[in-house]
Amino acid sequence: MQELQNDNREVFSKRVKAGKRTYFFDVKATKGNDYYITITESKKSFGDGSNIKHKIFLYKEDFNKFMEAFTETVNHVKTELMPEYDFEEFSRSKDEGESEY
């Protein structure tokens, strides 16, 4: 695993700003052109204003299991726990008059 952390070429990146947090979805390649994903949450610390980061490494053999569990979990919240909630309110652009929270 040390090899992955020392020789990780970023081949794709997607940033998602979400209020006081930012999520980064990065695809990285190893020397042998194997690929993995890192998911990073970055948020400001209340005390000194520095960024606190939490990172998850997701390897290709776990992609399908991860997506299945993630999708099932999100769908459970949307359909069973909060069926009346308008989750689309967070998808609307600022052009539609929505303010950033």
PDB file of N, CA and C in Angstrom:
ATOM      1  N   MET A   1       0.818  -1.182   0.000  1.00  0.00           N
ATOM      2  CA  MET A   1       0.000   0.000   0.000  1.00  0.00           C
ATOM      3  C   MET A   1       0.868   1.254   0.000  1.00  0.00           C
ATOM      4  N   GLN A   2       2.035   1.192   0.569  1.00  0.00           N
ATOM      5  CA  GLN A   2       2.943   2.333   0.558  1.00  0.00           C
ATOM      6  C   GLN A   2       3.252   2.748  -0.875  1.00  0.00           C
ATOM      7  N   GLU A   3       3.374   1.770  -1.780  1.00  0.00           N
ATOM      8  CA  GLU A   3       3.648   2.076  -3.194  1.00  0.00           C
ATOM      9  C   GLU A   3       2.554   2.960  -3.770  1.00  0.00           C
ATOM     10  N   LEU A   4       1.290   2.678  -3.414  1.00  0.00           N
ATOM     11  CA  LEU A   4       0.178   3.471  -3.929  1.00  0.00           C
ATOM     12  C   LEU A   4       0.267   4.921  -3.468  1.00  0.00           C
ATOM     13  N   GLN A   5       0.676   5.128  -2.234  1.00  0.00           N
ATOM     14  CA  GLN A   5       0.722   6.485  -1.711  1.00  0.00           C
ATOM     15  C   GLN A   5       1.914   7.261  -2.268  1.00  0.00           C
ATOM     16  N   ASN A   6       3.000   6.589  -2.623  1.00  0.00           N
ATOM     17  CA  ASN A   6       4.188   7.284  -3.110  1.00  0.00           C
ATOM     18  C   ASN A   6       4.159   7.541  -4.608  1.00  0.00           C
ATOM     19  N   ASP A   7       3.514   6.697  -5.372  1.00  0.00           N
ATOM     20  CA  ASP A   7       3.502   6.844  -6.824  1.00  0.00           C
ATOM     21  C   ASP A   7       2.071   6.855  -7.332  1.00  0.00           C
ATOM     22  N   ASN A   8       1.333   7.897  -6.973  1.00  0.00           N
ATOM     23  CA  ASN A   8      -0.062   7.955  -7.382  1.00  0.00           C
ATOM     24  C   ASN A   8      -0.268   9.135  -8.323  1.00  0.00           C
ATOM     25  N   ARG A   9      -0.406   8.813  -9.586  1.00  0.00           N
ATOM     26  CA  ARG A   9      -0.662   9.842 -10.591  1.00  0.00           C
ATOM     27  C   ARG A   9      -2.162  10.070 -10.671  1.00  0.00           C
ATOM     28  N   GLU A  10      -2.560  11.315 -10.515  1.00  0.00           N
ATOM     29  CA  GLU A  10      -3.972  11.641 -10.603  1.00  0.00           C
ATOM     30  C   GLU A  10      -4.375  11.694 -12.070  1.00  0.00           C
ATOM     31  N   VAL A  11      -5.430  10.946 -12.425  1.00  0.00           N
ATOM     32  CA  VAL A  11      -5.871  10.906 -13.817  1.00  0.00           C
ATOM     33  C   VAL A  11      -7.256  11.527 -14.012  1.00  0.00           C
ATOM     34  N   PHE A  12      -7.967  11.763 -12.907  1.00  0.00           N
ATOM     35  CA  PHE A  12      -9.292  12.390 -12.982  1.00  0.00           C
ATOM     36  C   PHE A  12      -9.609  12.941 -11.609  1.00  0.00           C
ATOM     37  N   SER A  13     -10.282  14.090 -11.569  1.00  0.00           N
ATOM     38  CA  SER A  13     -10.666  14.667 -10.290  1.00  0.00           C
ATOM     39  C   SER A  13     -11.995  15.397 -10.424  1.00  0.00           C
ATOM     40  N   LYS A  14     -12.824  15.256  -9.418  1.00  0.00           N
ATOM     41  CA  LYS A  14     -14.112  15.950  -9.369  1.00  0.00           C
ATOM     42  C   LYS A  14     -14.262  16.552  -7.978  1.00  0.00           C
ATOM     43  N   ARG A  15     -14.506  17.862  -7.921  1.00  0.00           N
ATOM     44  CA  ARG A  15     -14.688  18.555  -6.650  1.00  0.00           C
ATOM     45  C   ARG A  15     -16.161  18.887  -6.474  1.00  0.00           C
ATOM     46  N   VAL A  16     -16.681  18.647  -5.262  1.00  0.00           N
ATOM     47  CA  VAL A  16     -18.065  18.953  -4.940  1.00  0.00           C
ATOM     48  C   VAL A  16     -18.075  19.852  -3.714  1.00  0.00           C
ATOM     49  N   LYS A  17     -18.459  21.124  -3.920  1.00  0.00           N
ATOM     50  CA  LYS A  17     -18.588  22.051  -2.795  1.00  0.00           C
ATOM     51  C   LYS A  17     -19.954  21.824  -2.173  1.00  0.00           C
ATOM     52  N   ALA A  18     -19.959  21.670  -0.858  1.00  0.00           N
ATOM     53  CA  ALA A  18     -21.200  21.372  -0.150  1.00  0.00           C
ATOM     54  C   ALA A  18     -21.239  22.173   1.149  1.00  0.00           C
ATOM     55  N   GLY A  19     -21.620  23.424   1.052  1.00  0.00           N
ATOM     56  CA  GLY A  19     -21.667  24.266   2.239  1.00  0.00           C
ATOM     57  C   GLY A  19     -20.275  24.496   2.792  1.00  0.00           C
ATOM     58  N   LYS A  20     -20.068  24.103   4.044  1.00  0.00           N
ATOM     59  CA  LYS A  20     -18.774  24.293   4.696  1.00  0.00           C
ATOM     60  C   LYS A  20     -17.804  23.152   4.417  1.00  0.00           C
ATOM     61  N   ARG A  21     -18.231  22.202   3.627  1.00  0.00           N
ATOM     62  CA  ARG A  21     -17.396  21.049   3.297  1.00  0.00           C
ATOM     63  C   ARG A  21     -17.119  21.027   1.803  1.00  0.00           C
ATOM     64  N   THR A  22     -16.034  20.385   1.450  1.00  0.00           N
ATOM     65  CA  THR A  22     -15.735  20.110   0.050  1.00  0.00           C
ATOM     66  C   THR A  22     -15.353  18.646  -0.038  1.00  0.00           C
ATOM     67  N   TYR A  23     -15.899  17.969  -1.039  1.00  0.00           N
ATOM     68  CA  TYR A  23     -15.574  16.566  -1.281  1.00  0.00           C
ATOM     69  C   TYR A  23     -14.765  16.485  -2.565  1.00  0.00           C
ATOM     70  N   PHE A  24     -13.749  15.643  -2.551  1.00  0.00           N
ATOM     71  CA  PHE A  24     -12.927  15.413  -3.726  1.00  0.00           C
ATOM     72  C   PHE A  24     -13.014  13.941  -4.084  1.00  0.00           C
ATOM     73  N   PHE A  25     -13.315  13.660  -5.344  1.00  0.00           N
ATOM     74  CA  PHE A  25     -13.335  12.299  -5.875  1.00  0.00           C
ATOM     75  C   PHE A  25     -12.207  12.228  -6.894  1.00  0.00           C
ATOM     76  N   ASP A  26     -11.153  11.512  -6.568  1.00  0.00           N
ATOM     77  CA  ASP A  26      -9.967  11.460  -7.410  1.00  0.00           C
ATOM     78  C   ASP A  26      -9.689  10.037  -7.870  1.00  0.00           C
ATOM     79  N   VAL A  27      -9.411   9.884  -9.156  1.00  0.00           N
ATOM     80  CA  VAL A  27      -8.952   8.602  -9.698  1.00  0.00           C
ATOM     81  C   VAL A  27      -7.448   8.698  -9.817  1.00  0.00           C
ATOM     82  N   LYS A  28      -6.757   7.720  -9.269  1.00  0.00           N
ATOM     83  CA  LYS A  28      -5.299   7.710  -9.304  1.00  0.00           C
ATOM     84  C   LYS A  28      -4.807   6.420  -9.917  1.00  0.00           C
ATOM     85  N   ALA A  29      -3.605   6.476 -10.496  1.00  0.00           N
ATOM     86  CA  ALA A  29      -3.010   5.305 -11.150  1.00  0.00           C
ATOM     87  C   ALA A  29      -1.716   4.926 -10.446  1.00  0.00           C
ATOM     88  N   THR A  30      -1.475   3.640 -10.363  1.00  0.00           N
ATOM     89  CA  THR A  30      -0.214   3.141  -9.820  1.00  0.00           C
ATOM     90  C   THR A  30       0.794   3.013 -10.959  1.00  0.00           C
ATOM     91  N   LYS A  31       2.027   2.626 -10.620  1.00  0.00           N
ATOM     92  CA  LYS A  31       3.059   2.404 -11.644  1.00  0.00           C
ATOM     93  C   LYS A  31       2.603   1.393 -12.687  1.00  0.00           C
ATOM     94  N   GLY A  32       1.885   0.377 -12.252  1.00  0.00           N
ATOM     95  CA  GLY A  32       1.428  -0.679 -13.150  1.00  0.00           C
ATOM     96  C   GLY A  32       0.118  -0.360 -13.849  1.00  0.00           C
ATOM     97  N   ASN A  33      -0.266   0.897 -13.870  1.00  0.00           N
ATOM     98  CA  ASN A  33      -1.519   1.340 -14.477  1.00  0.00           C
ATOM     99  C   ASN A  33      -2.738   0.624 -13.916  1.00  0.00           C
ATOM    100  N   ASP A  34      -2.727   0.428 -12.618  1.00  0.00           N
ATOM    101  CA  ASP A  34      -3.906  -0.032 -11.908  1.00  0.00           C
ATOM    102  C   ASP A  34      -4.547   1.228 -11.348  1.00  0.00           C
ATOM    103  N   TYR A  35      -5.848   1.252 -11.194  1.00  0.00           N
ATOM    104  CA  TYR A  35      -6.544   2.464 -10.780  1.00  0.00           C
ATOM    105  C   TYR A  35      -7.288   2.250  -9.472  1.00  0.00           C
ATOM    106  N   TYR A  36      -7.395   3.318  -8.702  1.00  0.00           N
ATOM    107  CA  TYR A  36      -8.168   3.323  -7.474  1.00  0.00           C
ATOM    108  C   TYR A  36      -8.728   4.724  -7.289  1.00  0.00           C
ATOM    109  N   ILE A  37      -9.684   4.840  -6.388  1.00  0.00           N
ATOM    110  CA  ILE A  37     -10.352   6.115  -6.133  1.00  0.00           C
ATOM    111  C   ILE A  37     -10.067   6.545  -4.700  1.00  0.00           C
ATOM    112  N   THR A  38      -9.814   7.837  -4.530  1.00  0.00           N
ATOM    113  CA  THR A  38      -9.785   8.393  -3.178  1.00  0.00           C
ATOM    114  C   THR A  38     -10.953   9.355  -3.053  1.00  0.00           C
ATOM    115  N   ILE A  39     -11.628   9.277  -1.922  1.00  0.00           N
ATOM    116  CA  ILE A  39     -12.716  10.188  -1.595  1.00  0.00           C
ATOM    117  C   ILE A  39     -12.250  10.968  -0.375  1.00  0.00           C
ATOM    118  N   THR A  40     -12.178  12.280  -0.506  1.00  0.00           N
ATOM    119  CA  THR A  40     -11.672  13.119   0.578  1.00  0.00           C
ATOM    120  C   THR A  40     -12.722  14.140   0.977  1.00  0.00           C
ATOM    121  N   GLU A  41     -12.959  14.251   2.273  1.00  0.00           N
ATOM    122  CA  GLU A  41     -13.807  15.314   2.813  1.00  0.00           C
ATOM    123  C   GLU A  41     -12.872  16.332   3.439  1.00  0.00           C
ATOM    124  N   SER A  42     -13.045  17.589   3.093  1.00  0.00           N
ATOM    125  CA  SER A  42     -12.236  18.663   3.653  1.00  0.00           C
ATOM    126  C   SER A  42     -13.172  19.701   4.253  1.00  0.00           C
ATOM    127  N   LYS A  43     -12.892  20.080   5.497  1.00  0.00           N
ATOM    128  CA  LYS A  43     -13.703  21.120   6.139  1.00  0.00           C
ATOM    129  C   LYS A  43     -12.816  21.944   7.050  1.00  0.00           C
ATOM    130  N   LYS A  44     -13.230  23.170   7.283  1.00  0.00           N
ATOM    131  CA  LYS A  44     -12.482  24.089   8.137  1.00  0.00           C
ATOM    132  C   LYS A  44     -12.634  23.685   9.597  1.00  0.00           C
ATOM    133  N   SER A  45     -11.530  23.780  10.325  1.00  0.00           N
ATOM    134  CA  SER A  45     -11.538  23.542  11.760  1.00  0.00           C
ATOM    135  C   SER A  45     -12.132  24.764  12.451  1.00  0.00           C
ATOM    136  N   PHE A  46     -12.909  24.548  13.487  1.00  0.00           N
ATOM    137  CA  PHE A  46     -13.504  25.670  14.211  1.00  0.00           C
ATOM    138  C   PHE A  46     -12.448  26.472  14.959  1.00  0.00           C
ATOM    139  N   GLY A  47     -11.435  25.809  15.491  1.00  0.00           N
ATOM    140  CA  GLY A  47     -10.443  26.466  16.326  1.00  0.00           C
ATOM    141  C   GLY A  47      -9.504  27.389  15.582  1.00  0.00           C
ATOM    142  N   ASP A  48      -8.677  26.834  14.710  1.00  0.00           N
ATOM    143  CA  ASP A  48      -7.625  27.628  14.075  1.00  0.00           C
ATOM    144  C   ASP A  48      -7.860  27.903  12.593  1.00  0.00           C
ATOM    145  N   GLY A  49      -8.971  27.449  12.059  1.00  0.00           N
ATOM    146  CA  GLY A  49      -9.286  27.712  10.659  1.00  0.00           C
ATOM    147  C   GLY A  49      -8.550  26.842   9.672  1.00  0.00           C
ATOM    148  N   SER A  50      -7.771  25.875  10.161  1.00  0.00           N
ATOM    149  CA  SER A  50      -7.066  24.978   9.248  1.00  0.00           C
ATOM    150  C   SER A  50      -8.049  23.972   8.655  1.00  0.00           C
ATOM    151  N   ASN A  51      -7.651  23.314   7.582  1.00  0.00           N
ATOM    152  CA  ASN A  51      -8.499  22.309   6.959  1.00  0.00           C
ATOM    153  C   ASN A  51      -8.283  20.954   7.607  1.00  0.00           C
ATOM    154  N   ILE A  52      -9.378  20.284   7.919  1.00  0.00           N
ATOM    155  CA  ILE A  52      -9.347  18.912   8.429  1.00  0.00           C
ATOM    156  C   ILE A  52      -9.767  18.024   7.276  1.00  0.00           C
ATOM    157  N   LYS A  53      -8.997  16.988   7.001  1.00  0.00           N
ATOM    158  CA  LYS A  53      -9.302  16.101   5.883  1.00  0.00           C
ATOM    159  C   LYS A  53      -9.470  14.665   6.358  1.00  0.00           C
ATOM    160  N   HIS A  54     -10.460  14.016   5.786  1.00  0.00           N
ATOM    161  CA  HIS A  54     -10.687  12.591   5.997  1.00  0.00           C
ATOM    162  C   HIS A  54     -10.663  11.941   4.625  1.00  0.00           C
ATOM    163  N   LYS A  55      -9.954  10.836   4.499  1.00  0.00           N
ATOM    164  CA  LYS A  55      -9.773  10.228   3.192  1.00  0.00           C
ATOM    165  C   LYS A  55     -10.122   8.745   3.235  1.00  0.00           C
ATOM    166  N   ILE A  56     -10.780   8.285   2.167  1.00  0.00           N
ATOM    167  CA  ILE A  56     -11.106   6.874   1.980  1.00  0.00           C
ATOM    168  C   ILE A  56     -10.449   6.424   0.683  1.00  0.00           C
ATOM    169  N   PHE A  57      -9.800   5.279   0.711  1.00  0.00           N
ATOM    170  CA  PHE A  57      -9.228   4.669  -0.489  1.00  0.00           C
ATOM    171  C   PHE A  57     -10.173   3.567  -0.928  1.00  0.00           C
ATOM    172  N   LEU A  58     -10.567   3.598  -2.188  1.00  0.00           N
ATOM    173  CA  LEU A  58     -11.499   2.614  -2.719  1.00  0.00           C
ATOM    174  C   LEU A  58     -10.843   1.902  -3.889  1.00  0.00           C
ATOM    175  N   TYR A  59     -10.678   0.595  -3.757  1.00  0.00           N
ATOM    176  CA  TYR A  59      -9.970  -0.195  -4.761  1.00  0.00           C
ATOM    177  C   TYR A  59     -10.960  -0.884  -5.694  1.00  0.00           C
ATOM    178  N   LYS A  60     -10.519  -1.155  -6.923  1.00  0.00           N
ATOM    179  CA  LYS A  60     -11.399  -1.640  -7.996  1.00  0.00           C
ATOM    180  C   LYS A  60     -12.205  -2.870  -7.603  1.00  0.00           C
ATOM    181  N   GLU A  61     -11.620  -3.746  -6.803  1.00  0.00           N
ATOM    182  CA  GLU A  61     -12.342  -4.961  -6.414  1.00  0.00           C
ATOM    183  C   GLU A  61     -13.514  -4.662  -5.482  1.00  0.00           C
ATOM    184  N   ASP A  62     -13.574  -3.450  -4.955  1.00  0.00           N
ATOM    185  CA  ASP A  62     -14.668  -3.065  -4.052  1.00  0.00           C
ATOM    186  C   ASP A  62     -15.649  -2.086  -4.674  1.00  0.00           C
ATOM    187  N   PHE A  63     -15.400  -1.624  -5.898  1.00  0.00           N
ATOM    188  CA  PHE A  63     -16.268  -0.615  -6.529  1.00  0.00           C
ATOM    189  C   PHE A  63     -17.732  -1.030  -6.511  1.00  0.00           C
ATOM    190  N   ASN A  64     -18.041  -2.222  -7.008  1.00  0.00           N
ATOM    191  CA  ASN A  64     -19.441  -2.648  -7.117  1.00  0.00           C
ATOM    192  C   ASN A  64     -20.104  -2.784  -5.751  1.00  0.00           C
ATOM    193  N   LYS A  65     -19.402  -3.378  -4.785  1.00  0.00           N
ATOM    194  CA  LYS A  65     -19.967  -3.532  -3.443  1.00  0.00           C
ATOM    195  C   LYS A  65     -20.200  -2.166  -2.799  1.00  0.00           C
ATOM    196  N   PHE A  66     -19.251  -1.252  -2.986  1.00  0.00           N
ATOM    197  CA  PHE A  66     -19.377   0.088  -2.427  1.00  0.00           C
ATOM    198  C   PHE A  66     -20.579   0.807  -3.037  1.00  0.00           C
ATOM    199  N   MET A  67     -20.672   0.800  -4.365  1.00  0.00           N
ATOM    200  CA  MET A  67     -21.781   1.489  -5.046  1.00  0.00           C
ATOM    201  C   MET A  67     -23.130   0.911  -4.637  1.00  0.00           C
ATOM    202  N   GLU A  68     -23.205  -0.399  -4.534  1.00  0.00           N
ATOM    203  CA  GLU A  68     -24.460  -1.044  -4.143  1.00  0.00           C
ATOM    204  C   GLU A  68     -24.867  -0.623  -2.726  1.00  0.00           C
ATOM    205  N   ALA A  69     -23.931  -0.671  -1.792  1.00  0.00           N
ATOM    206  CA  ALA A  69     -24.238  -0.298  -0.409  1.00  0.00           C
ATOM    207  C   ALA A  69     -24.551   1.191  -0.294  1.00  0.00           C
ATOM    208  N   PHE A  70     -23.802   2.028  -1.003  1.00  0.00           N
ATOM    209  CA  PHE A  70     -24.032   3.470  -0.955  1.00  0.00           C
ATOM    210  C   PHE A  70     -25.411   3.810  -1.526  1.00  0.00           C
ATOM    211  N   THR A  71     -25.731   3.253  -2.678  1.00  0.00           N
ATOM    212  CA  THR A  71     -27.021   3.508  -3.317  1.00  0.00           C
ATOM    213  C   THR A  71     -28.171   3.019  -2.441  1.00  0.00           C
ATOM    214  N   GLU A  72     -28.022   1.831  -1.874  1.00  0.00           N
ATOM    215  CA  GLU A  72     -29.068   1.292  -1.003  1.00  0.00           C
ATOM    216  C   GLU A  72     -29.273   2.179   0.231  1.00  0.00           C
ATOM    217  N   THR A  73     -28.184   2.665   0.790  1.00  0.00           N
ATOM    218  CA  THR A  73     -28.259   3.519   1.978  1.00  0.00           C
ATOM    219  C   THR A  73     -28.928   4.857   1.669  1.00  0.00           C
ATOM    220  N   VAL A  74     -28.527   5.500   0.578  1.00  0.00           N
ATOM    221  CA  VAL A  74     -29.134   6.779   0.189  1.00  0.00           C
ATOM    222  C   VAL A  74     -30.612   6.577  -0.127  1.00  0.00           C
ATOM    223  N   ASN A  75     -30.949   5.535  -0.862  1.00  0.00           N
ATOM    224  CA  ASN A  75     -32.353   5.271  -1.197  1.00  0.00           C
ATOM    225  C   ASN A  75     -33.185   5.001   0.049  1.00  0.00           C
ATOM    226  N   HIS A  76     -32.606   4.332   1.048  1.00  0.00           N
ATOM    227  CA  HIS A  76     -33.329   4.079   2.297  1.00  0.00           C
ATOM    228  C   HIS A  76     -33.680   5.398   2.986  1.00  0.00           C
ATOM    229  N   VAL A  77     -32.723   6.304   3.053  1.00  0.00           N
ATOM    230  CA  VAL A  77     -32.987   7.604   3.681  1.00  0.00           C
ATOM    231  C   VAL A  77     -34.066   8.350   2.898  1.00  0.00           C
ATOM    232  N   LYS A  78     -33.925   8.356   1.568  1.00  0.00           N
ATOM    233  CA  LYS A  78     -34.871   9.108   0.736  1.00  0.00           C
ATOM    234  C   LYS A  78     -36.278   8.532   0.746  1.00  0.00           C
ATOM    235  N   THR A  79     -36.408   7.213   0.727  1.00  0.00           N
ATOM    236  CA  THR A  79     -37.742   6.611   0.592  1.00  0.00           C
ATOM    237  C   THR A  79     -38.364   6.185   1.911  1.00  0.00           C
ATOM    238  N   GLU A  80     -37.561   5.749   2.876  1.00  0.00           N
ATOM    239  CA  GLU A  80     -38.112   5.232   4.126  1.00  0.00           C
ATOM    240  C   GLU A  80     -38.081   6.248   5.267  1.00  0.00           C
ATOM    241  N   LEU A  81     -36.995   6.977   5.385  1.00  0.00           N
ATOM    242  CA  LEU A  81     -36.846   7.871   6.529  1.00  0.00           C
ATOM    243  C   LEU A  81     -37.333   9.284   6.263  1.00  0.00           C
ATOM    244  N   MET A  82     -37.162   9.765   5.024  1.00  0.00           N
ATOM    245  CA  MET A  82     -37.527  11.147   4.711  1.00  0.00           C
ATOM    246  C   MET A  82     -38.240  11.236   3.358  1.00  0.00           C
ATOM    247  N   PRO A  83     -39.321  10.498   3.172  1.00  0.00           N
ATOM    248  CA  PRO A  83     -39.967  10.479   1.850  1.00  0.00           C
ATOM    249  C   PRO A  83     -40.566  11.812   1.420  1.00  0.00           C
ATOM    250  N   GLU A  84     -40.896  12.680   2.353  1.00  0.00           N
ATOM    251  CA  GLU A  84     -41.517  13.964   2.019  1.00  0.00           C
ATOM    252  C   GLU A  84     -40.496  15.063   1.764  1.00  0.00           C
ATOM    253  N   TYR A  85     -39.240  14.808   2.056  1.00  0.00           N
ATOM    254  CA  TYR A  85     -38.214  15.840   1.945  1.00  0.00           C
ATOM    255  C   TYR A  85     -37.835  16.068   0.489  1.00  0.00           C
ATOM    256  N   ASP A  86     -37.628  17.319   0.107  1.00  0.00           N
ATOM    257  CA  ASP A  86     -37.242  17.678  -1.258  1.00  0.00           C
ATOM    258  C   ASP A  86     -35.713  17.709  -1.376  1.00  0.00           C
ATOM    259  N   PHE A  87     -35.112  16.572  -1.692  1.00  0.00           N
ATOM    260  CA  PHE A  87     -33.655  16.496  -1.827  1.00  0.00           C
ATOM    261  C   PHE A  87     -33.157  17.289  -3.033  1.00  0.00           C
ATOM    262  N   GLU A  88     -34.012  17.586  -3.971  1.00  0.00           N
ATOM    263  CA  GLU A  88     -33.622  18.345  -5.158  1.00  0.00           C
ATOM    264  C   GLU A  88     -33.317  19.806  -4.841  1.00  0.00           C
ATOM    265  N   GLU A  89     -33.731  20.286  -3.672  1.00  0.00           N
ATOM    266  CA  GLU A  89     -33.461  21.679  -3.325  1.00  0.00           C
ATOM    267  C   GLU A  89     -31.962  21.961  -3.292  1.00  0.00           C
ATOM    268  N   PHE A  90     -31.153  20.952  -3.056  1.00  0.00           N
ATOM    269  CA  PHE A  90     -29.711  21.140  -3.013  1.00  0.00           C
ATOM    270  C   PHE A  90     -29.075  21.062  -4.395  1.00  0.00           C
ATOM    271  N   SER A  91     -29.832  20.646  -5.387  1.00  0.00           N
ATOM    272  CA  SER A  91     -29.323  20.511  -6.751  1.00  0.00           C
ATOM    273  C   SER A  91     -29.601  21.742  -7.602  1.00  0.00           C
ATOM    274  N   ARG A  92     -30.472  22.587  -7.152  1.00  0.00           N
ATOM    275  CA  ARG A  92     -30.835  23.765  -7.937  1.00  0.00           C
ATOM    276  C   ARG A  92     -29.675  24.730  -8.022  1.00  0.00           C
ATOM    277  N   SER A  93     -29.517  25.329  -9.166  1.00  0.00           N
ATOM    278  CA  SER A  93     -28.408  26.267  -9.362  1.00  0.00           C
ATOM    279  C   SER A  93     -28.713  27.605  -8.707  1.00  0.00           C
ATOM    280  N   LYS A  94     -27.670  28.379  -8.479  1.00  0.00           N
ATOM    281  CA  LYS A  94     -27.834  29.724  -7.909  1.00  0.00           C
ATOM    282  C   LYS A  94     -28.579  30.626  -8.878  1.00  0.00           C
ATOM    283  N   ASP A  95     -28.549  30.277 -10.184  1.00  0.00           N
ATOM    284  CA  ASP A  95     -29.260  31.067 -11.189  1.00  0.00           C
ATOM    285  C   ASP A  95     -30.766  31.043 -10.974  1.00  0.00           C
ATOM    286  N   GLU A  96     -31.244  30.010 -10.276  1.00  0.00           N
ATOM    287  CA  GLU A  96     -32.674  29.915 -10.018  1.00  0.00           C
ATOM    288  C   GLU A  96     -33.069  30.676  -8.768  1.00  0.00           C
ATOM    289  N   GLY A  97     -32.141  31.488  -8.247  1.00  0.00           N
ATOM    290  CA  GLY A  97     -32.467  32.284  -7.080  1.00  0.00           C
ATOM    291  C   GLY A  97     -32.136  31.621  -5.771  1.00  0.00           C
ATOM    292  N   GLU A  98     -31.507  30.475  -5.808  1.00  0.00           N
ATOM    293  CA  GLU A  98     -31.156  29.773  -4.573  1.00  0.00           C
ATOM    294  C   GLU A  98     -29.855  30.352  -4.025  1.00  0.00           C
ATOM    295  N   SER A  99     -29.790  30.542  -2.739  1.00  0.00           N
ATOM    296  CA  SER A  99     -28.561  31.034  -2.122  1.00  0.00           C
ATOM    297  C   SER A  99     -27.735  29.866  -1.641  1.00  0.00           C
ATOM    298  N   GLU A 100     -26.424  30.081  -1.559  1.00  0.00           N
ATOM    299  CA  GLU A 100     -25.548  29.025  -1.048  1.00  0.00           C
ATOM    300  C   GLU A 100     -25.709  28.976   0.457  1.00  0.00           C
ATOM    301  N   TYR A 101     -25.818  27.781   1.021  1.00  0.00           N
ATOM    302  CA  TYR A 101     -26.035  27.636   2.461  1.00  0.00           C
ATOM    303  C   TYR A 101     -24.739  27.540   3.199  1.00  0.00           C
TER     304      TYR A 101
END
